[in-house]
Amino acid sequence: MSNHEQYMARCIELALKGAGTVAPNPMVGAVLVHESRVIGEGYHQQYGGPHAEVHCFNAVAEADEALVSESVIYVSLEPCAHFGKTPPCADLIVRKGVKKVVIGCRDPFEAVNGKGIERLRNAGIEVVEGVLETACLNLNKRFFTFHQKKRPYIILKWAQTADGKIAAASTERLLISNAYANTLVHRWRSEEAAILVGTNTALLDDPSLNNRLWTGPSPLRMVIDVNLRLPASLKLFTDGLPVVVFNAQKAAQEGAISFQKIAADQALLPQVLDYCYHNQVQSILVEGGAALLQSLINEEWYDEIRVITNTALQIGEGLAAPVATATTLYQEEQLLDNRIQYFYRNQ
């Protein structure tokens, strides 16, 4: 690994600390290096707060301030060039007198997209692009998907038995995931902007769909209930946390419940995704049920699938798990009797 890659890897490590707290902004890390010595580090910590570059420069010790103009700053994402909730980071770098900037990847956001790099180069600063570019792109796959495809990044998740069932033949709830896998799922929830389920999952499982087992925020809960069949006694409607109900009956705000009316004679999923795009919901974790998951697979409205398989449990008769074939396994881990597999959709 080259020095450039080493420092960029550190930028990515720092950026990940902002997972779940910076959306709809991207996760970004920055490292300031003077002659092979790191003199400042920072990452974007909170939406609306200072960006990574600001934290990085602020972390420089007073004794090292004179070295800033002789240093190289590494940033996982192209520095912004526009006034948003904070001033442009490209201008800050120019003011600090830094002579060289190493960037992981460009920012596809329309207000940036090359403009930050152009501003740096116009100021006479040397810019190196594309260091660990694939890793930096993957870091903000939600942000990039949202701005390039005009829809949220969609993760499908389900738990299945060793013989490929996600529910028993009876209405009795089937416990498939163990405690370790359940904790992992709550971590996933903390990392996504929203969580989506269908009518039957909400009715039969009565889930809370919040994050209780991991540090970080809970996602926005969303449920599809076209004909408003769900009873008001469900946890989703009584715990006081925000929930969006996609339905064909009414548009209303009733306490924490937002009823979003959709057209029953039009395709359902594009309407849900359109709502997410216009409300800055950059990612969705879809937790069921089988019909909703299979619909998303069939329409290719997904980016990633995560499957938890209880390798010690077989039930014979039951509800079959969704089937997806155009995927690539990119990660696998074992938590006792639970195997967790991560797939990307083949593009």
Protein backbone atom coordinates (compact mmCIF):
# COMPACT_ATOMS: atom_id res chain seq x y z
CA MET A 1 0.00 0.00 0.00
CA SER A 2 1.42 3.39 -1.02
CA ASN A 3 1.55 6.37 1.33
CA HIS A 4 -1.35 7.95 -0.55
CA GLU A 5 -3.44 4.80 -0.07
CA GLN A 6 -2.45 4.51 3.59
CA TYR A 7 -3.68 7.99 4.42
CA MET A 8 -6.81 7.59 2.28
CA ALA A 9 -7.62 4.36 4.13
CA ARG A 10 -7.44 6.39 7.34
CA CYS A 11 -9.83 8.96 5.80
CA ILE A 12 -12.34 6.18 5.13
CA GLU A 13 -11.92 4.82 8.67
CA LEU A 14 -12.64 8.28 10.08
CA ALA A 15 -15.56 8.90 7.72
CA LEU A 16 -17.35 5.74 8.90
CA LYS A 17 -17.66 7.28 12.36
CA GLY A 18 -20.34 9.51 10.87
CA ALA A 19 -22.57 6.60 9.80
CA GLY A 20 -26.18 7.24 10.77
CA THR A 21 -25.65 10.87 11.84
CA VAL A 22 -24.64 12.83 8.72
CA ALA A 23 -27.32 11.86 6.16
CA PRO A 24 -28.47 13.29 3.84
CA ASN A 25 -24.88 14.54 3.63
CA PRO A 26 -22.12 12.08 2.66
CA MET A 27 -19.65 10.55 5.11
CA VAL A 28 -16.24 12.19 4.71
CA GLY A 29 -12.87 11.86 6.44
CA ALA A 30 -9.81 14.11 6.15
CA VAL A 31 -6.17 13.74 7.19
CA LEU A 32 -3.48 16.45 7.13
CA VAL A 33 0.09 15.17 6.71
CA HIS A 34 3.39 17.00 6.99
CA GLU A 35 6.45 15.02 5.89
CA SER A 36 4.95 11.63 6.83
CA ARG A 37 3.55 12.90 10.14
CA VAL A 38 -0.18 13.31 10.66
CA ILE A 39 -0.79 16.72 12.20
CA GLY A 40 -4.58 16.81 11.90
CA GLU A 41 -7.57 14.51 11.43
CA GLY A 42 -11.29 15.04 11.17
CA TYR A 43 -14.57 13.69 9.87
CA HIS A 44 -18.08 14.95 9.21
CA GLN A 45 -19.81 14.23 12.50
CA GLN A 46 -23.32 15.63 12.29
CA TYR A 47 -25.66 16.82 9.56
CA GLY A 48 -25.57 20.62 9.51
CA GLY A 49 -22.29 20.67 11.43
CA PRO A 50 -18.73 21.40 10.26
CA HIS A 51 -17.37 19.25 7.45
CA ALA A 52 -14.39 16.90 7.72
CA GLU A 53 -11.87 19.48 6.46
CA VAL A 54 -12.92 21.98 9.15
CA HIS A 55 -12.48 19.43 11.93
CA CYS A 56 -9.16 18.36 10.42
CA PHE A 57 -7.69 21.87 10.42
CA ASN A 58 -9.12 22.60 13.88
CA ALA A 59 -7.35 19.51 15.23
CA VAL A 60 -3.89 20.88 14.37
CA ALA A 61 -1.90 21.71 17.48
CA GLU A 62 -0.81 25.32 17.91
CA ALA A 63 2.84 24.26 17.61
CA ASP A 64 2.09 22.76 14.17
CA GLU A 65 0.08 25.65 12.72
CA ALA A 66 3.08 26.95 10.77
CA LEU A 67 3.34 23.55 9.03
CA VAL A 68 -0.18 23.57 7.55
CA SER A 69 0.81 25.41 4.35
CA GLU A 70 3.59 22.87 3.79
CA SER A 71 1.31 19.85 4.29
CA VAL A 72 -0.80 17.56 2.13
CA ILE A 73 -4.49 17.13 2.93
CA TYR A 74 -6.18 13.83 2.11
CA VAL A 75 -9.97 13.86 1.72
CA SER A 76 -12.15 10.85 0.87
CA LEU A 77 -14.57 13.02 -1.15
CA GLU A 78 -14.07 16.09 -3.33
CA PRO A 79 -14.23 19.23 -1.13
CA CYS A 80 -17.48 21.15 -1.56
CA ALA A 81 -17.50 24.37 -3.56
CA HIS A 82 -20.90 25.79 -2.59
CA PHE A 83 -22.53 27.49 0.35
CA GLY A 84 -24.90 25.05 2.06
CA LYS A 85 -25.30 24.83 5.81
CA THR A 86 -21.55 25.54 5.98
CA PRO A 87 -19.12 27.56 3.79
CA PRO A 88 -17.22 25.87 0.91
CA CYS A 89 -14.41 23.60 2.09
CA ALA A 90 -12.47 24.23 -1.13
CA ASP A 91 -12.21 27.91 -0.15
CA LEU A 92 -11.01 26.93 3.34
CA ILE A 93 -8.22 24.79 1.87
CA VAL A 94 -7.16 27.68 -0.37
CA ARG A 95 -7.10 30.09 2.60
CA LYS A 96 -4.99 27.67 4.62
CA GLY A 97 -2.33 27.76 1.89
CA VAL A 98 -2.17 23.98 1.40
CA LYS A 99 -0.21 23.18 -1.75
CA LYS A 100 -1.45 19.64 -2.43
CA VAL A 101 -4.80 17.87 -2.05
CA VAL A 102 -5.33 14.12 -2.52
CA ILE A 103 -8.95 13.10 -3.18
CA GLY A 104 -10.57 9.68 -3.08
CA CYS A 105 -13.43 10.35 -5.50
CA ARG A 106 -15.45 13.13 -7.07
CA ASP A 107 -18.75 14.30 -5.61
CA PRO A 108 -21.67 13.68 -8.04
CA PHE A 109 -23.88 16.22 -6.23
CA GLU A 110 -24.76 18.85 -8.82
CA ALA A 111 -23.55 21.78 -6.71
CA VAL A 112 -20.09 20.19 -6.45
CA ASN A 113 -19.23 17.60 -9.16
CA GLY A 114 -15.81 18.81 -10.22
CA LYS A 115 -16.29 22.40 -9.12
CA GLY A 116 -14.34 21.87 -5.90
CA ILE A 117 -11.40 20.39 -7.79
CA GLU A 118 -11.56 23.20 -10.34
CA ARG A 119 -11.47 25.83 -7.61
CA LEU A 120 -8.43 24.20 -6.00
CA ARG A 121 -6.54 23.94 -9.28
CA ASN A 122 -7.40 27.53 -10.22
CA ALA A 123 -5.75 28.55 -6.96
CA GLY A 124 -2.55 26.77 -8.01
CA ILE A 125 -3.03 23.76 -5.75
CA GLU A 126 -1.90 20.35 -6.99
CA VAL A 127 -4.80 17.89 -6.95
CA VAL A 128 -4.40 14.11 -7.08
CA GLU A 129 -7.63 12.20 -7.79
CA GLY A 130 -8.82 8.60 -7.58
CA VAL A 131 -6.82 7.23 -4.64
CA LEU A 132 -8.71 4.17 -3.32
CA GLU A 133 -11.53 5.41 -5.53
CA THR A 134 -13.60 2.20 -5.42
CA ALA A 135 -13.53 2.12 -1.63
CA CYS A 136 -14.42 5.82 -1.43
CA LEU A 137 -17.32 5.34 -3.84
CA ASN A 138 -18.57 2.38 -1.82
CA LEU A 139 -18.35 4.43 1.37
CA ASN A 140 -21.07 6.76 0.09
CA LYS A 141 -23.04 4.37 -2.11
CA ARG A 142 -26.28 5.66 -0.57
CA PHE A 143 -25.47 9.30 -1.33
CA PHE A 144 -24.29 8.56 -4.87
CA THR A 145 -27.28 6.33 -5.70
CA PHE A 146 -29.67 8.98 -4.42
CA HIS A 147 -28.20 11.77 -6.55
CA GLN A 148 -27.43 9.74 -9.66
CA LYS A 149 -30.53 7.50 -9.81
CA LYS A 150 -32.99 9.89 -8.11
CA ARG A 151 -34.05 7.22 -5.63
CA PRO A 152 -32.90 5.85 -2.28
CA TYR A 153 -30.34 3.08 -1.89
CA ILE A 154 -32.41 -0.04 -1.20
CA ILE A 155 -31.30 -2.93 1.02
CA LEU A 156 -33.50 -6.03 1.22
CA LYS A 157 -33.21 -8.11 4.37
CA TRP A 158 -34.76 -11.35 5.53
CA ALA A 159 -34.08 -14.26 7.87
CA GLN A 160 -34.64 -17.81 6.70
CA THR A 161 -34.40 -21.37 7.96
CA ALA A 162 -31.85 -23.84 6.61
CA ASP A 163 -34.56 -25.16 4.28
CA GLY A 164 -35.38 -21.70 2.92
CA LYS A 165 -38.51 -20.69 4.87
CA ILE A 166 -39.13 -17.26 6.40
CA ALA A 167 -42.29 -18.14 8.33
CA ALA A 168 -44.11 -21.20 9.61
CA ALA A 169 -47.25 -22.56 7.94
CA SER A 170 -49.25 -21.42 10.98
CA THR A 171 -49.65 -17.81 12.11
CA GLU A 172 -47.36 -18.48 15.08
CA ARG A 173 -44.28 -16.26 14.90
CA LEU A 174 -41.11 -18.15 13.96
CA LEU A 175 -37.91 -17.02 15.70
CA ILE A 176 -35.07 -17.53 13.23
CA SER A 177 -32.31 -15.04 14.13
CA ASN A 178 -30.27 -15.48 17.31
CA ALA A 179 -29.47 -12.67 19.75
CA TYR A 180 -26.21 -11.76 18.00
CA ALA A 181 -27.88 -11.49 14.60
CA ASN A 182 -30.71 -9.43 16.11
CA THR A 183 -28.17 -6.96 17.47
CA LEU A 184 -26.57 -6.78 14.03
CA VAL A 185 -29.95 -6.01 12.46
CA HIS A 186 -30.42 -3.11 14.89
CA ARG A 187 -27.02 -1.79 13.86
CA TRP A 188 -28.20 -1.95 10.24
CA ARG A 189 -31.30 0.00 11.23
CA SER A 190 -29.16 2.71 12.82
CA GLU A 191 -27.26 3.12 9.53
CA GLU A 192 -30.25 3.62 7.21
CA ALA A 193 -32.59 6.56 6.81
CA ALA A 194 -35.79 4.50 6.70
CA ILE A 195 -37.20 1.03 7.20
CA LEU A 196 -40.09 -0.37 5.14
CA VAL A 197 -42.51 -3.28 5.66
CA GLY A 198 -45.69 -4.49 4.01
CA THR A 199 -49.17 -4.84 5.49
CA ASN A 200 -48.94 -8.50 6.50
CA THR A 201 -45.61 -8.12 8.28
CA ALA A 202 -46.96 -5.21 10.31
CA LEU A 203 -50.17 -7.10 11.08
CA LEU A 204 -48.77 -10.52 11.97
CA ASP A 205 -45.48 -9.54 13.66
CA ASP A 206 -46.54 -6.20 15.22
CA PRO A 207 -42.93 -4.94 15.03
CA SER A 208 -41.59 -1.70 16.52
CA LEU A 209 -39.06 -1.29 13.67
CA ASN A 210 -36.87 0.98 15.78
CA ASN A 211 -33.28 0.68 16.98
CA ARG A 212 -33.14 -0.60 20.55
CA LEU A 213 -30.00 -2.76 20.59
CA TRP A 214 -27.37 -0.46 19.08
CA THR A 215 -26.12 3.08 19.57
CA GLY A 216 -27.39 5.59 17.05
CA PRO A 217 -30.72 6.78 15.67
CA SER A 218 -33.80 4.84 14.68
CA PRO A 219 -34.84 4.90 11.01
CA LEU A 220 -38.03 6.50 9.78
CA ARG A 221 -40.64 3.72 9.86
CA MET A 222 -42.66 3.25 6.68
CA VAL A 223 -45.46 0.76 6.05
CA ILE A 224 -47.51 -0.04 2.96
CA ASP A 225 -51.20 -0.38 3.86
CA VAL A 226 -53.10 0.37 0.67
CA ASN A 227 -56.59 -0.21 2.09
CA LEU A 228 -55.84 0.91 5.69
CA ARG A 229 -56.41 -2.55 7.14
CA LEU A 230 -53.95 -2.19 10.01
CA PRO A 231 -55.47 -1.67 13.48
CA ALA A 232 -54.62 1.47 15.42
CA SER A 233 -53.45 -0.69 18.33
CA LEU A 234 -50.20 -1.76 16.62
CA LYS A 235 -46.90 -0.66 18.17
CA LEU A 236 -46.14 1.36 15.02
CA PHE A 237 -49.13 3.59 15.79
CA THR A 238 -48.96 3.78 19.59
CA ASP A 239 -45.30 4.37 20.49
CA GLY A 240 -45.27 8.02 19.45
CA LEU A 241 -42.42 7.64 16.97
CA PRO A 242 -42.86 8.90 13.39
CA VAL A 243 -44.36 6.49 10.89
CA VAL A 244 -45.39 6.96 7.25
CA VAL A 245 -48.37 4.96 5.98
CA PHE A 246 -48.66 4.62 2.20
CA ASN A 247 -52.33 4.13 1.37
CA ALA A 248 -54.97 4.81 -1.28
CA GLN A 249 -57.54 6.31 1.10
CA LYS A 250 -56.31 9.57 2.61
CA ALA A 251 -53.55 12.14 3.03
CA ALA A 252 -53.35 13.38 6.61
CA GLN A 253 -51.08 14.00 9.58
CA GLU A 254 -52.42 12.48 12.79
CA GLY A 255 -49.93 12.97 15.58
CA ALA A 256 -46.75 11.09 14.64
CA ILE A 257 -48.56 9.21 11.86
CA SER A 258 -48.23 10.59 8.34
CA PHE A 259 -50.75 9.13 5.90
CA GLN A 260 -49.37 9.46 2.37
CA LYS A 261 -51.96 8.92 -0.33
CA ILE A 262 -50.89 6.95 -3.38
CA ALA A 263 -52.73 6.23 -6.63
CA ALA A 264 -54.17 2.71 -6.49
CA ASP A 265 -54.30 2.48 -10.29
CA GLN A 266 -50.56 3.14 -10.67
CA ALA A 267 -47.50 1.05 -9.83
CA LEU A 268 -47.02 1.22 -6.08
CA LEU A 269 -43.26 0.97 -5.58
CA PRO A 270 -42.24 3.89 -7.83
CA GLN A 271 -44.61 6.11 -5.82
CA VAL A 272 -42.97 5.06 -2.56
CA LEU A 273 -39.50 5.69 -3.97
CA ASP A 274 -40.61 9.04 -5.39
CA TYR A 275 -41.80 10.08 -1.91
CA CYS A 276 -38.40 9.09 -0.51
CA TYR A 277 -36.53 11.09 -3.14
CA HIS A 278 -38.54 14.25 -2.56
CA ASN A 279 -38.19 13.91 1.22
CA GLN A 280 -34.41 13.32 1.27
CA VAL A 281 -34.72 9.69 2.39
CA GLN A 282 -31.47 8.38 0.94
CA SER A 283 -31.64 4.74 2.01
CA ILE A 284 -34.24 2.12 2.91
CA LEU A 285 -33.90 -1.17 4.76
CA VAL A 286 -36.78 -3.40 3.63
CA GLU A 287 -37.58 -6.03 6.28
CA GLY A 288 -40.57 -7.79 4.70
CA GLY A 289 -42.80 -9.40 3.95
CA ALA A 290 -42.16 -11.99 1.29
CA ALA A 291 -44.48 -10.44 -1.31
CA LEU A 292 -42.97 -6.95 -0.93
CA LEU A 293 -39.42 -8.30 -1.06
CA GLN A 294 -40.11 -10.43 -4.12
CA SER A 295 -41.80 -7.49 -5.88
CA LEU A 296 -38.73 -5.34 -5.33
CA ILE A 297 -36.51 -8.14 -6.63
CA ASN A 298 -38.67 -8.74 -9.69
CA GLU A 299 -38.76 -5.04 -10.56
CA GLU A 300 -35.01 -4.70 -9.81
CA TRP A 301 -35.75 -1.96 -7.29
CA TYR A 302 -32.88 -2.89 -4.98
CA ASP A 303 -29.13 -2.51 -4.63
CA GLU A 304 -28.21 -5.01 -1.94
CA ILE A 305 -29.60 -8.09 -0.19
CA ARG A 306 -28.70 -9.32 3.30
CA VAL A 307 -29.82 -12.80 4.27
CA ILE A 308 -29.61 -14.35 7.74
CA THR A 309 -29.81 -18.17 7.59
CA ASN A 310 -30.31 -20.27 10.70
CA THR A 311 -28.20 -23.27 9.67
CA ALA A 312 -29.55 -25.38 12.57
CA LEU A 313 -33.27 -24.86 11.92
CA GLN A 314 -35.47 -26.71 9.42
CA ILE A 315 -39.27 -26.60 9.55
CA GLY A 316 -40.50 -28.36 6.40
CA GLU A 317 -43.80 -26.65 5.60
CA GLY A 318 -43.76 -22.86 5.64
CA LEU A 319 -43.58 -19.64 3.65
CA ALA A 320 -40.75 -19.77 1.13
CA ALA A 321 -38.07 -17.11 1.23
CA PRO A 322 -37.76 -14.68 -1.69
CA VAL A 323 -35.60 -15.75 -4.63
CA ALA A 324 -32.97 -13.55 -6.26
CA THR A 325 -30.55 -14.84 -8.88
CA ALA A 326 -28.85 -11.79 -10.43
CA THR A 327 -26.65 -11.12 -7.40
CA THR A 328 -23.01 -11.33 -6.34
CA LEU A 329 -21.98 -12.46 -2.86
CA TYR A 330 -19.48 -9.95 -1.48
CA GLN A 331 -19.32 -10.77 2.23
CA GLU A 332 -20.18 -13.62 4.59
CA GLU A 333 -19.95 -14.07 8.34
CA GLN A 334 -21.05 -16.63 10.92
CA LEU A 335 -22.67 -15.75 14.26
CA LEU A 336 -22.99 -19.12 16.01
CA ASP A 337 -25.78 -20.92 14.09
CA ASN A 338 -26.64 -17.85 12.00
CA ARG A 339 -24.90 -17.28 8.67
CA ILE A 340 -25.11 -13.73 7.33
CA GLN A 341 -24.61 -13.24 3.59
CA TYR A 342 -24.34 -9.92 1.78
CA PHE A 343 -25.14 -9.64 -1.94
CA TYR A 344 -24.96 -6.83 -4.46
CA ARG A 345 -27.40 -6.74 -7.36
CA ASN A 346 -25.61 -7.33 -10.65
CA GLN A 347 -25.69 -4.06 -12.56
